C-alpha cells in the first residue's frame, strides 16, 4: 500500500512539474497570445473555443485537472489578453468567449 501511495505522489509531482515546464516554454517561444483554462481529466476546450481561437488569433492552454499554485498569475495573464482583444476587436469578442474562462468574470467586473 505504501508503494502505491509513493508511486502516486511521484507521478503527481512529476506531472505537475512537467506542466509547469510546458507553460514556461509556451510563454518564451510564442508570439500568439495564450488564454489559460483549468479543465479536468478530459480537455474542456470545445469546438467553439477552437473556432474562437482561430478567429481572434489566440491559443488556449488547458492545465487539465492540476491547477497551478500561482493561479493569480495566469488570471492576470488572461486579463492582459482580454485587454488586447478589446483593443484589437472592440467588445464583440466578449459575446463569443466562454464565460467560464479563468479570470474572465473578475476581469469583466473591473
PDB file of N, CA and C in Angstrom:
ATOM      1  N   UNK A   1       0.826  -1.196   0.000  1.00  0.00           N
ATOM      2  CA  UNK A   1       0.000   0.000   0.000  1.00  0.00           C
ATOM      3  C   UNK A   1       0.870   1.259   0.000  1.00  0.00           C
ATOM      4  N   UNK A   2       1.945   1.221   0.822  1.00  0.00           N
ATOM      5  CA  UNK A   2       2.849   2.384   0.856  1.00  0.00           C
ATOM      6  C   UNK A   2       3.449   2.641  -0.515  1.00  0.00           C
ATOM      7  N   UNK A   3       3.827   1.572  -1.200  1.00  0.00           N
ATOM      8  CA  UNK A   3       4.436   1.731  -2.527  1.00  0.00           C
ATOM      9  C   UNK A   3       3.479   2.382  -3.506  1.00  0.00           C
ATOM     10  N   UNK A   4       2.213   2.039  -3.417  1.00  0.00           N
ATOM     11  CA  UNK A   4       1.210   2.642  -4.308  1.00  0.00           C
ATOM     12  C   UNK A   4       1.083   4.128  -4.019  1.00  0.00           C
ATOM     13  N   UNK A   5       1.051   4.496  -2.773  1.00  0.00           N
ATOM     14  CA  UNK A   5       0.951   5.909  -2.397  1.00  0.00           C
ATOM     15  C   UNK A   5       2.182   6.672  -2.864  1.00  0.00           C
ATOM     16  N   UNK A   6       3.376   6.111  -2.627  1.00  0.00           N
ATOM     17  CA  UNK A   6       4.607   6.780  -3.067  1.00  0.00           C
ATOM     18  C   UNK A   6       4.638   6.933  -4.584  1.00  0.00           C
ATOM     19  N   UNK A   7       4.221   5.884  -5.286  1.00  0.00           N
ATOM     20  CA  UNK A   7       4.197   5.951  -6.750  1.00  0.00           C
ATOM     21  C   UNK A   7       3.242   7.049  -7.215  1.00  0.00           C
ATOM     22  N   UNK A   8       2.066   7.115  -6.605  1.00  0.00           N
ATOM     23  CA  UNK A   8       1.094   8.144  -6.957  1.00  0.00           C
ATOM     24  C   UNK A   8       1.665   9.535  -6.707  1.00  0.00           C
ATOM     25  N   UNK A   9       2.290   9.748  -5.563  1.00  0.00           N
ATOM     26  CA  UNK A   9       2.861  11.055  -5.241  1.00  0.00           C
ATOM     27  C   UNK A   9       3.951  11.448  -6.227  1.00  0.00           C
ATOM     28  N   UNK A  10       4.818  10.510  -6.562  1.00  0.00           N
ATOM     29  CA  UNK A  10       5.899  10.800  -7.515  1.00  0.00           C
ATOM     30  C   UNK A  10       5.307  11.143  -8.882  1.00  0.00           C
ATOM     31  N   UNK A  11       4.304  10.375  -9.295  1.00  0.00           N
ATOM     32  CA  UNK A  11       3.643  10.643 -10.566  1.00  0.00           C
ATOM     33  C   UNK A  11       2.973  12.008 -10.553  1.00  0.00           C
ATOM     34  N   UNK A  12       2.261  12.322  -9.480  1.00  0.00           N
ATOM     35  CA  UNK A  12       1.574  13.604  -9.350  1.00  0.00           C
ATOM     36  C   UNK A  12       2.562  14.761  -9.407  1.00  0.00           C
ATOM     37  N   UNK A  13       3.647  14.681  -8.667  1.00  0.00           N
ATOM     38  CA  UNK A  13       4.663  15.744  -8.652  1.00  0.00           C
ATOM     39  C   UNK A  13       5.306  15.870 -10.024  1.00  0.00           C
ATOM     40  N   UNK A  14       5.588  14.748 -10.656  1.00  0.00           N
ATOM     41  CA  UNK A  14       6.203  14.771 -11.985  1.00  0.00           C
ATOM     42  C   UNK A  14       5.310  15.403 -13.025  1.00  0.00           C
ATOM     43  N   UNK A  15       4.018  15.072 -13.004  1.00  0.00           N
ATOM     44  CA  UNK A  15       3.076  15.658 -13.960  1.00  0.00           C
ATOM     45  C   UNK A  15       2.964  17.152 -13.724  1.00  0.00           C
ATOM     46  N   UNK A  16       2.852  17.568 -12.471  1.00  0.00           N
ATOM     47  CA  UNK A  16       2.726  18.986 -12.148  1.00  0.00           C
ATOM     48  C   UNK A  16       3.971  19.746 -12.613  1.00  0.00           C
ATOM     49  N   UNK A  17       5.157  19.196 -12.359  1.00  0.00           N
ATOM     50  CA  UNK A  17       6.393  19.857 -12.770  1.00  0.00           C
ATOM     51  C   UNK A  17       6.482  19.951 -14.288  1.00  0.00           C
ATOM     52  N   UNK A  18       6.104  18.887 -14.992  1.00  0.00           N
ATOM     53  CA  UNK A  18       6.185  18.936 -16.449  1.00  0.00           C
ATOM     54  C   UNK A  18       5.168  19.913 -17.023  1.00  0.00           C
ATOM     55  N   UNK A  19       3.988  20.023 -16.419  1.00  0.00           N
ATOM     56  CA  UNK A  19       3.000  21.000 -16.881  1.00  0.00           C
ATOM     57  C   UNK A  19       3.533  22.413 -16.704  1.00  0.00           C
ATOM     58  N   UNK A  20       4.178  22.682 -15.583  1.00  0.00           N
ATOM     59  CA  UNK A  20       4.765  23.995 -15.354  1.00  0.00           C
ATOM     60  C   UNK A  20       5.841  24.288 -16.403  1.00  0.00           C
ATOM     61  N   UNK A  21       6.654  23.297 -16.750  1.00  0.00           N
ATOM     62  CA  UNK A  21       7.712  23.499 -17.736  1.00  0.00           C
ATOM     63  C   UNK A  21       7.131  23.797 -19.112  1.00  0.00           C
ATOM     64  N   UNK A  22       6.068  23.115 -19.487  1.00  0.00           N
ATOM     65  CA  UNK A  22       5.415  23.379 -20.773  1.00  0.00           C
ATOM     66  C   UNK A  22       4.961  24.827 -20.833  1.00  0.00           C
ATOM     67  N   UNK A  23       4.415  25.320 -19.745  1.00  0.00           N
ATOM     68  CA  UNK A  23       3.948  26.699 -19.702  1.00  0.00           C
ATOM     69  C   UNK A  23       5.108  27.654 -19.908  1.00  0.00           C
ATOM     70  N   UNK A  24       6.219  27.411 -19.249  1.00  0.00           N
ATOM     71  CA  UNK A  24       7.376  28.286 -19.401  1.00  0.00           C
ATOM     72  C   UNK A  24       7.832  28.320 -20.854  1.00  0.00           C
ATOM     73  N   UNK A  25       7.852  27.176 -21.503  1.00  0.00           N
ATOM     74  CA  UNK A  25       8.256  27.112 -22.897  1.00  0.00           C
ATOM     75  C   UNK A  25       7.272  27.898 -23.757  1.00  0.00           C
ATOM     76  N   UNK A  26       5.967  27.707 -23.537  1.00  0.00           N
ATOM     77  CA  UNK A  26       4.959  28.436 -24.313  1.00  0.00           C
ATOM     78  C   UNK A  26       5.156  29.939 -24.189  1.00  0.00           C
ATOM     79  N   UNK A  27       5.379  30.422 -22.978  1.00  0.00           N
ATOM     80  CA  UNK A  27       5.500  31.858 -22.762  1.00  0.00           C
ATOM     81  C   UNK A  27       6.722  32.444 -23.453  1.00  0.00           C
ATOM     82  N   UNK A  28       7.788  31.665 -23.568  1.00  0.00           N
ATOM     83  CA  UNK A  28       9.006  32.195 -24.161  1.00  0.00           C
ATOM     84  C   UNK A  28       9.070  32.036 -25.669  1.00  0.00           C
ATOM     85  N   UNK A  29       8.342  31.094 -26.237  1.00  0.00           N
ATOM     86  CA  UNK A  29       8.572  30.769 -27.642  1.00  0.00           C
ATOM     87  C   UNK A  29       7.441  31.157 -28.583  1.00  0.00           C
ATOM     88  N   UNK A  30       6.395  31.732 -28.093  1.00  0.00           N
ATOM     89  CA  UNK A  30       5.277  32.024 -28.994  1.00  0.00           C
ATOM     90  C   UNK A  30       4.927  33.503 -28.970  1.00  0.00           C
ATOM     91  N   UNK A  31       4.520  33.984 -30.115  1.00  0.00           N
ATOM     92  CA  UNK A  31       4.053  35.360 -30.232  1.00  0.00           C
ATOM     93  C   UNK A  31       2.533  35.410 -30.080  1.00  0.00           C
ATOM     94  N   UNK A  32       1.881  34.275 -30.225  1.00  0.00           N
ATOM     95  CA  UNK A  32       0.428  34.206 -30.156  1.00  0.00           C
ATOM     96  C   UNK A  32      -0.026  34.299 -28.701  1.00  0.00           C
ATOM     97  N   UNK A  33      -0.964  35.197 -28.396  1.00  0.00           N
ATOM     98  CA  UNK A  33      -1.462  35.295 -27.024  1.00  0.00           C
ATOM     99  C   UNK A  33      -2.104  33.976 -26.580  1.00  0.00           C
ATOM    100  N   UNK A  34      -1.917  33.648 -25.303  1.00  0.00           N
ATOM    101  CA  UNK A  34      -2.431  32.401 -24.747  1.00  0.00           C
ATOM    102  C   UNK A  34      -3.459  32.717 -23.670  1.00  0.00           C
ATOM    103  N   UNK A  35      -4.600  32.050 -23.747  1.00  0.00           N
ATOM    104  CA  UNK A  35      -5.607  32.119 -22.692  1.00  0.00           C
ATOM    105  C   UNK A  35      -5.554  30.782 -21.948  1.00  0.00           C
ATOM    106  N   UNK A  36      -5.381  30.858 -20.642  1.00  0.00           N
ATOM    107  CA  UNK A  36      -5.242  29.676 -19.808  1.00  0.00           C
ATOM    108  C   UNK A  36      -6.584  29.259 -19.237  1.00  0.00           C
ATOM    109  N   UNK A  37      -6.845  27.948 -19.273  1.00  0.00           N
ATOM    110  CA  UNK A  37      -8.076  27.392 -18.728  1.00  0.00           C
ATOM    111  C   UNK A  37      -7.723  26.211 -17.823  1.00  0.00           C
ATOM    112  N   UNK A  38      -8.609  25.952 -16.865  1.00  0.00           N
ATOM    113  CA  UNK A  38      -8.433  24.801 -15.985  1.00  0.00           C
ATOM    114  C   UNK A  38      -9.529  23.811 -16.303  1.00  0.00           C
ATOM    115  N   UNK A  39      -9.126  22.614 -16.652  1.00  0.00           N
ATOM    116  CA  UNK A  39     -10.088  21.590 -17.035  1.00  0.00           C
ATOM    117  C   UNK A  39     -10.159  20.487 -16.013  1.00  0.00           C
ATOM    118  N   UNK A  40     -10.258  19.284 -16.501  1.00  0.00           N
ATOM    119  CA  UNK A  40     -10.319  18.103 -15.663  1.00  0.00           C
ATOM    120  C   UNK A  40      -9.491  17.021 -16.326  1.00  0.00           C
ATOM    121  N   UNK A  41      -9.890  15.773 -16.131  1.00  0.00           N
ATOM    122  CA  UNK A  41      -9.162  14.683 -16.774  1.00  0.00           C
ATOM    123  C   UNK A  41      -9.254  14.795 -18.288  1.00  0.00           C
ATOM    124  N   UNK A  42     -10.404  15.210 -18.784  1.00  0.00           N
ATOM    125  CA  UNK A  42     -10.592  15.411 -20.222  1.00  0.00           C
ATOM    126  C   UNK A  42     -10.500  16.912 -20.510  1.00  0.00           C
ATOM    127  N   UNK A  43     -10.001  17.240 -21.671  1.00  0.00           N
ATOM    128  CA  UNK A  43      -9.877  18.638 -22.055  1.00  0.00           C
ATOM    129  C   UNK A  43     -11.242  19.303 -22.102  1.00  0.00           C
ATOM    130  N   UNK A  44     -11.300  20.556 -21.660  1.00  0.00           N
ATOM    131  CA  UNK A  44     -12.562  21.294 -21.722  1.00  0.00           C
ATOM    132  C   UNK A  44     -12.585  22.278 -22.886  1.00  0.00           C
ATOM    133  N   UNK A  45     -11.572  22.241 -23.712  1.00  0.00           N
ATOM    134  CA  UNK A  45     -11.542  23.121 -24.879  1.00  0.00           C
ATOM    135  C   UNK A  45     -12.485  22.536 -25.930  1.00  0.00           C
ATOM    136  N   UNK A  46     -13.491  23.313 -26.286  1.00  0.00           N
ATOM    137  CA  UNK A  46     -14.564  22.847 -27.167  1.00  0.00           C
ATOM    138  C   UNK A  46     -14.311  23.264 -28.625  1.00  0.00           C
ATOM    139  N   UNK A  47     -15.179  22.788 -29.516  1.00  0.00           N
ATOM    140  CA  UNK A  47     -15.114  23.210 -30.923  1.00  0.00           C
ATOM    141  C   UNK A  47     -15.287  24.714 -31.029  1.00  0.00           C
ATOM    142  N   UNK A  48     -16.173  25.250 -30.198  1.00  0.00           N
ATOM    143  CA  UNK A  48     -16.418  26.693 -30.219  1.00  0.00           C
ATOM    144  C   UNK A  48     -15.175  27.463 -29.770  1.00  0.00           C
ATOM    145  N   UNK A  49     -14.473  26.920 -28.775  1.00  0.00           N
ATOM    146  CA  UNK A  49     -13.231  27.553 -28.322  1.00  0.00           C
ATOM    147  C   UNK A  49     -12.186  27.559 -29.430  1.00  0.00           C
ATOM    148  N   UNK A  50     -12.098  26.462 -30.156  1.00  0.00           N
ATOM    149  CA  UNK A  50     -11.126  26.375 -31.255  1.00  0.00           C
ATOM    150  C   UNK A  50     -11.471  27.376 -32.349  1.00  0.00           C
ATOM    151  N   UNK A  51     -12.751  27.500 -32.680  1.00  0.00           N
ATOM    152  CA  UNK A  51     -13.173  28.487 -33.669  1.00  0.00           C
ATOM    153  C   UNK A  51     -12.861  29.901 -33.186  1.00  0.00           C
ATOM    154  N   UNK A  52     -13.114  30.165 -31.900  1.00  0.00           N
ATOM    155  CA  UNK A  52     -12.805  31.462 -31.305  1.00  0.00           C
ATOM    156  C   UNK A  52     -11.302  31.746 -31.417  1.00  0.00           C
ATOM    157  N   UNK A  53     -10.479  30.745 -31.095  1.00  0.00           N
ATOM    158  CA  UNK A  53      -9.029  30.908 -31.147  1.00  0.00           C
ATOM    159  C   UNK A  53      -8.556  31.252 -32.557  1.00  0.00           C
ATOM    160  N   UNK A  54      -9.112  30.580 -33.538  1.00  0.00           N
ATOM    161  CA  UNK A  54      -8.734  30.867 -34.927  1.00  0.00           C
ATOM    162  C   UNK A  54      -9.169  32.264 -35.336  1.00  0.00           C
ATOM    163  N   UNK A  55     -10.392  32.615 -34.990  1.00  0.00           N
ATOM    164  CA  UNK A  55     -10.949  33.908 -35.388  1.00  0.00           C
ATOM    165  C   UNK A  55     -10.144  35.069 -34.801  1.00  0.00           C
ATOM    166  N   UNK A  56      -9.725  34.936 -33.538  1.00  0.00           N
ATOM    167  CA  UNK A  56      -9.062  36.037 -32.853  1.00  0.00           C
ATOM    168  C   UNK A  56      -7.551  35.829 -32.685  1.00  0.00           C
ATOM    169  N   UNK A  57      -7.007  34.838 -33.359  1.00  0.00           N
ATOM    170  CA  UNK A  57      -5.560  34.581 -33.365  1.00  0.00           C
ATOM    171  C   UNK A  57      -4.976  34.458 -31.954  1.00  0.00           C
ATOM    172  N   UNK A  58      -5.599  33.602 -31.169  1.00  0.00           N
ATOM    173  CA  UNK A  58      -5.092  33.307 -29.827  1.00  0.00           C
ATOM    174  C   UNK A  58      -4.957  31.790 -29.706  1.00  0.00           C
ATOM    175  N   UNK A  59      -4.396  31.352 -28.584  1.00  0.00           N
ATOM    176  CA  UNK A  59      -4.308  29.929 -28.273  1.00  0.00           C
ATOM    177  C   UNK A  59      -4.928  29.700 -26.905  1.00  0.00           C
ATOM    178  N   UNK A  60      -5.410  28.494 -26.679  1.00  0.00           N
ATOM    179  CA  UNK A  60      -5.848  28.083 -25.355  1.00  0.00           C
ATOM    180  C   UNK A  60      -4.835  27.089 -24.810  1.00  0.00           C
ATOM    181  N   UNK A  61      -4.563  27.203 -23.521  1.00  0.00           N
ATOM    182  CA  UNK A  61      -3.721  26.220 -22.846  1.00  0.00           C
ATOM    183  C   UNK A  61      -4.537  25.663 -21.686  1.00  0.00           C
ATOM    184  N   UNK A  62      -4.807  24.365 -21.731  1.00  0.00           N
ATOM    185  CA  UNK A  62      -5.595  23.696 -20.698  1.00  0.00           C
ATOM    186  C   UNK A  62      -4.645  23.064 -19.687  1.00  0.00           C
ATOM    187  N   UNK A  63      -4.735  23.500 -18.427  1.00  0.00           N
ATOM    188  CA  UNK A  63      -3.910  22.926 -17.369  1.00  0.00           C
ATOM    189  C   UNK A  63      -4.355  21.518 -17.006  1.00  0.00           C
ATOM    190  N   UNK A  64      -5.524  21.116 -17.445  1.00  0.00           N
ATOM    191  CA  UNK A  64      -6.050  19.829 -17.022  1.00  0.00           C
ATOM    192  C   UNK A  64      -6.561  19.941 -15.601  1.00  0.00           C
ATOM    193  N   UNK A  65      -6.470  18.842 -14.878  1.00  0.00           N
ATOM    194  CA  UNK A  65      -7.012  18.829 -13.517  1.00  0.00           C
ATOM    195  C   UNK A  65      -6.022  19.359 -12.486  1.00  0.00           C
ATOM    196  N   UNK A  66      -4.804  19.712 -12.906  1.00  0.00           N
ATOM    197  CA  UNK A  66      -3.784  20.201 -11.980  1.00  0.00           C
ATOM    198  C   UNK A  66      -3.651  21.708 -12.095  1.00  0.00           C
ATOM    199  N   UNK A  67      -4.374  22.414 -11.273  1.00  0.00           N
ATOM    200  CA  UNK A  67      -4.308  23.878 -11.288  1.00  0.00           C
ATOM    201  C   UNK A  67      -2.934  24.326 -10.796  1.00  0.00           C
ATOM    202  N   UNK A  68      -2.364  25.344 -11.407  1.00  0.00           N
ATOM    203  CA  UNK A  68      -1.065  25.837 -10.942  1.00  0.00           C
ATOM    204  C   UNK A  68      -1.205  26.481  -9.565  1.00  0.00           C
ATOM    205  N   UNK A  69      -0.122  26.431  -8.804  1.00  0.00           N
ATOM    206  CA  UNK A  69      -0.168  27.001  -7.454  1.00  0.00           C
ATOM    207  C   UNK A  69      -0.276  28.523  -7.500  1.00  0.00           C
ATOM    208  N   UNK A  70       0.214  29.142  -8.549  1.00  0.00           N
ATOM    209  CA  UNK A  70       0.167  30.602  -8.684  1.00  0.00           C
ATOM    210  C   UNK A  70      -0.921  30.999  -9.682  1.00  0.00           C
ATOM    211  N   UNK A  71      -2.131  30.603  -9.397  1.00  0.00           N
ATOM    212  CA  UNK A  71      -3.262  30.791 -10.310  1.00  0.00           C
ATOM    213  C   UNK A  71      -3.523  32.266 -10.622  1.00  0.00           C
ATOM    214  N   UNK A  72      -3.258  33.143  -9.663  1.00  0.00           N
ATOM    215  CA  UNK A  72      -3.464  34.579  -9.910  1.00  0.00           C
ATOM    216  C   UNK A  72      -2.599  35.082 -11.056  1.00  0.00           C
ATOM    217  N   UNK A  73      -1.406  34.545 -11.171  1.00  0.00           N
ATOM    218  CA  UNK A  73      -0.510  34.928 -12.271  1.00  0.00           C
ATOM    219  C   UNK A  73      -1.193  34.663 -13.615  1.00  0.00           C
ATOM    220  N   UNK A  74      -1.848  33.516 -13.743  1.00  0.00           N
ATOM    221  CA  UNK A  74      -2.475  33.149 -15.004  1.00  0.00           C
ATOM    222  C   UNK A  74      -3.778  33.912 -15.222  1.00  0.00           C
ATOM    223  N   UNK A  75      -4.467  34.266 -14.147  1.00  0.00           N
ATOM    224  CA  UNK A  75      -5.629  35.141 -14.287  1.00  0.00           C
ATOM    225  C   UNK A  75      -5.188  36.501 -14.807  1.00  0.00           C
ATOM    226  N   UNK A  76      -4.055  37.000 -14.307  1.00  0.00           N
ATOM    227  CA  UNK A  76      -3.525  38.287 -14.766  1.00  0.00           C
ATOM    228  C   UNK A  76      -3.057  38.215 -16.216  1.00  0.00           C
ATOM    229  N   UNK A  77      -2.426  37.100 -16.597  1.00  0.00           N
ATOM    230  CA  UNK A  77      -2.020  36.931 -17.997  1.00  0.00           C
ATOM    231  C   UNK A  77      -3.253  36.898 -18.903  1.00  0.00           C
ATOM    232  N   UNK A  78      -4.295  36.206 -18.469  1.00  0.00           N
ATOM    233  CA  UNK A  78      -5.540  36.180 -19.241  1.00  0.00           C
ATOM    234  C   UNK A  78      -6.131  37.582 -19.354  1.00  0.00           C
ATOM    235  N   UNK A  79      -6.097  38.349 -18.260  1.00  0.00           N
ATOM    236  CA  UNK A  79      -6.632  39.718 -18.285  1.00  0.00           C
ATOM    237  C   UNK A  79      -5.891  40.563 -19.316  1.00  0.00           C
ATOM    238  N   UNK A  80      -4.590  40.366 -19.453  1.00  0.00           N
ATOM    239  CA  UNK A  80      -3.822  41.095 -20.459  1.00  0.00           C
ATOM    240  C   UNK A  80      -4.288  40.728 -21.868  1.00  0.00           C
ATOM    241  N   UNK A  81      -4.572  39.445 -22.073  1.00  0.00           N
ATOM    242  CA  UNK A  81      -5.073  39.012 -23.382  1.00  0.00           C
ATOM    243  C   UNK A  81      -6.459  39.600 -23.623  1.00  0.00           C
ATOM    244  N   UNK A  82      -7.311  39.623 -22.596  1.00  0.00           N
ATOM    245  CA  UNK A  82      -8.647  40.209 -22.747  1.00  0.00           C
ATOM    246  C   UNK A  82      -8.535  41.687 -23.118  1.00  0.00           C
ATOM    247  N   UNK A  83      -7.628  42.410 -22.479  1.00  0.00           N
ATOM    248  CA  UNK A  83      -7.406  43.815 -22.814  1.00  0.00           C
ATOM    249  C   UNK A  83      -6.956  43.964 -24.266  1.00  0.00           C
ATOM    250  N   UNK A  84      -6.059  43.085 -24.681  1.00  0.00           N
ATOM    251  CA  UNK A  84      -5.553  43.124 -26.056  1.00  0.00           C
ATOM    252  C   UNK A  84      -6.685  42.849 -27.045  1.00  0.00           C
ATOM    253  N   UNK A  85      -7.544  41.882 -26.728  1.00  0.00           N
ATOM    254  CA  UNK A  85      -8.682  41.596 -27.603  1.00  0.00           C
ATOM    255  C   UNK A  85      -9.606  42.806 -27.711  1.00  0.00           C
ATOM    256  N   UNK A  86      -9.819  43.501 -26.599  1.00  0.00           N
ATOM    257  CA  UNK A  86     -10.640  44.722 -26.638  1.00  0.00           C
ATOM    258  C   UNK A  86     -10.023  45.767 -27.554  1.00  0.00           C
ATOM    259  N   UNK A  87      -8.711  45.948 -27.472  1.00  0.00           N
ATOM    260  CA  UNK A  87      -8.030  46.948 -28.303  1.00  0.00           C
ATOM    261  C   UNK A  87      -8.115  46.602 -29.780  1.00  0.00           C
ATOM    262  N   UNK A  88      -7.946  45.310 -30.092  1.00  0.00           N
ATOM    263  CA  UNK A  88      -7.906  44.897 -31.494  1.00  0.00           C
ATOM    264  C   UNK A  88      -9.286  44.698 -32.121  1.00  0.00           C
ATOM    265  N   UNK A  89     -10.259  44.233 -31.320  1.00  0.00           N
ATOM    266  CA  UNK A  89     -11.536  43.817 -31.903  1.00  0.00           C
ATOM    267  C   UNK A  89     -12.748  44.500 -31.286  1.00  0.00           C
ATOM    268  N   UNK A  90     -12.549  45.441 -30.390  1.00  0.00           N
ATOM    269  CA  UNK A  90     -13.687  46.035 -29.707  1.00  0.00           C
ATOM    270  C   UNK A  90     -14.240  45.063 -28.673  1.00  0.00           C
ATOM    271  N   UNK A  91     -15.530  45.199 -28.374  1.00  0.00           N
ATOM    272  CA  UNK A  91     -16.098  44.338 -27.328  1.00  0.00           C
ATOM    273  C   UNK A  91     -16.897  43.154 -27.869  1.00  0.00           C
ATOM    274  N   UNK A  92     -17.015  43.031 -29.173  1.00  0.00           N
ATOM    275  CA  UNK A  92     -17.826  41.944 -29.746  1.00  0.00           C
ATOM    276  C   UNK A  92     -17.312  40.556 -29.387  1.00  0.00           C
ATOM    277  N   UNK A  93     -16.006  40.386 -29.227  1.00  0.00           N
ATOM    278  CA  UNK A  93     -15.442  39.082 -28.886  1.00  0.00           C
ATOM    279  C   UNK A  93     -15.986  38.574 -27.552  1.00  0.00           C
ATOM    280  N   UNK A  94     -16.396  39.504 -26.668  1.00  0.00           N
ATOM    281  CA  UNK A  94     -16.873  39.121 -25.337  1.00  0.00           C
ATOM    282  C   UNK A  94     -18.172  38.314 -25.403  1.00  0.00           C
ATOM    283  N   UNK A  95     -18.936  38.492 -26.466  1.00  0.00           N
ATOM    284  CA  UNK A  95     -20.173  37.725 -26.637  1.00  0.00           C
ATOM    285  C   UNK A  95     -19.875  36.283 -27.041  1.00  0.00           C
ATOM    286  N   UNK A  96     -18.676  36.045 -27.568  1.00  0.00           N
ATOM    287  CA  UNK A  96     -18.334  34.736 -28.117  1.00  0.00           C
ATOM    288  C   UNK A  96     -17.491  33.874 -27.183  1.00  0.00           C
ATOM    289  N   UNK A  97     -16.796  34.483 -26.242  1.00  0.00           N
ATOM    290  CA  UNK A  97     -15.919  33.712 -25.377  1.00  0.00           C
ATOM    291  C   UNK A  97     -16.733  32.972 -24.317  1.00  0.00           C
ATOM    292  N   UNK A  98     -16.288  31.793 -23.980  1.00  0.00           N
ATOM    293  CA  UNK A  98     -16.957  31.019 -22.934  1.00  0.00           C
ATOM    294  C   UNK A  98     -16.763  31.731 -21.602  1.00  0.00           C
ATOM    295  N   UNK A  99     -17.823  31.895 -20.867  1.00  0.00           N
ATOM    296  CA  UNK A  99     -17.789  32.697 -19.639  1.00  0.00           C
ATOM    297  C   UNK A  99     -17.005  32.037 -18.505  1.00  0.00           C
ATOM    298  N   UNK A 100     -16.742  30.749 -18.563  1.00  0.00           N
ATOM    299  CA  UNK A 100     -16.019  30.056 -17.504  1.00  0.00           C
ATOM    300  C   UNK A 100     -14.501  30.133 -17.630  1.00  0.00           C
ATOM    301  N   UNK A 101     -13.999  30.939 -18.543  1.00  0.00           N
ATOM    302  CA  UNK A 101     -12.551  31.052 -18.731  1.00  0.00           C
ATOM    303  C   UNK A 101     -11.911  31.660 -17.483  1.00  0.00           C
ATOM    304  N   UNK A 102     -10.768  31.143 -17.116  1.00  0.00           N
ATOM    305  CA  UNK A 102     -10.034  31.560 -15.920  1.00  0.00           C
ATOM    306  C   UNK A 102      -9.860  33.078 -15.863  1.00  0.00           C
ATOM    307  N   UNK A 103     -10.445  33.699 -14.848  1.00  0.00           N
ATOM    308  CA  UNK A 103     -10.283  35.126 -14.606  1.00  0.00           C
ATOM    309  C   UNK A 103     -11.182  36.040 -15.413  1.00  0.00           C
ATOM    310  N   UNK A 104     -12.004  35.473 -16.313  1.00  0.00           N
ATOM    311  CA  UNK A 104     -12.814  36.331 -17.180  1.00  0.00           C
ATOM    312  C   UNK A 104     -13.834  37.143 -16.389  1.00  0.00           C
ATOM    313  N   UNK A 105     -14.571  36.513 -15.516  1.00  0.00           N
ATOM    314  CA  UNK A 105     -15.616  37.234 -14.768  1.00  0.00           C
ATOM    315  C   UNK A 105     -15.008  38.334 -13.903  1.00  0.00           C
ATOM    316  N   UNK A 106     -13.876  38.074 -13.274  1.00  0.00           N
ATOM    317  CA  UNK A 106     -13.211  39.086 -12.464  1.00  0.00           C
ATOM    318  C   UNK A 106     -12.746  40.253 -13.332  1.00  0.00           C
ATOM    319  N   UNK A 107     -12.191  39.937 -14.497  1.00  0.00           N
ATOM    320  CA  UNK A 107     -11.742  40.984 -15.423  1.00  0.00           C
ATOM    321  C   UNK A 107     -12.925  41.820 -15.893  1.00  0.00           C
ATOM    322  N   UNK A 108     -14.020  41.172 -16.189  1.00  0.00           N
ATOM    323  CA  UNK A 108     -15.214  41.839 -16.704  1.00  0.00           C
ATOM    324  C   UNK A 108     -15.748  42.836 -15.675  1.00  0.00           C
ATOM    325  N   UNK A 109     -15.687  42.480 -14.390  1.00  0.00           N
ATOM    326  CA  UNK A 109     -16.188  43.355 -13.330  1.00  0.00           C
ATOM    327  C   UNK A 109     -15.292  44.559 -13.098  1.00  0.00           C
ATOM    328  N   UNK A 110     -14.012  44.429 -13.383  1.00  0.00           N
ATOM    329  CA  UNK A 110     -13.085  45.553 -13.102  1.00  0.00           C
ATOM    330  C   UNK A 110     -13.053  46.584 -14.202  1.00  0.00           C
TER     331      UNK A 110
END
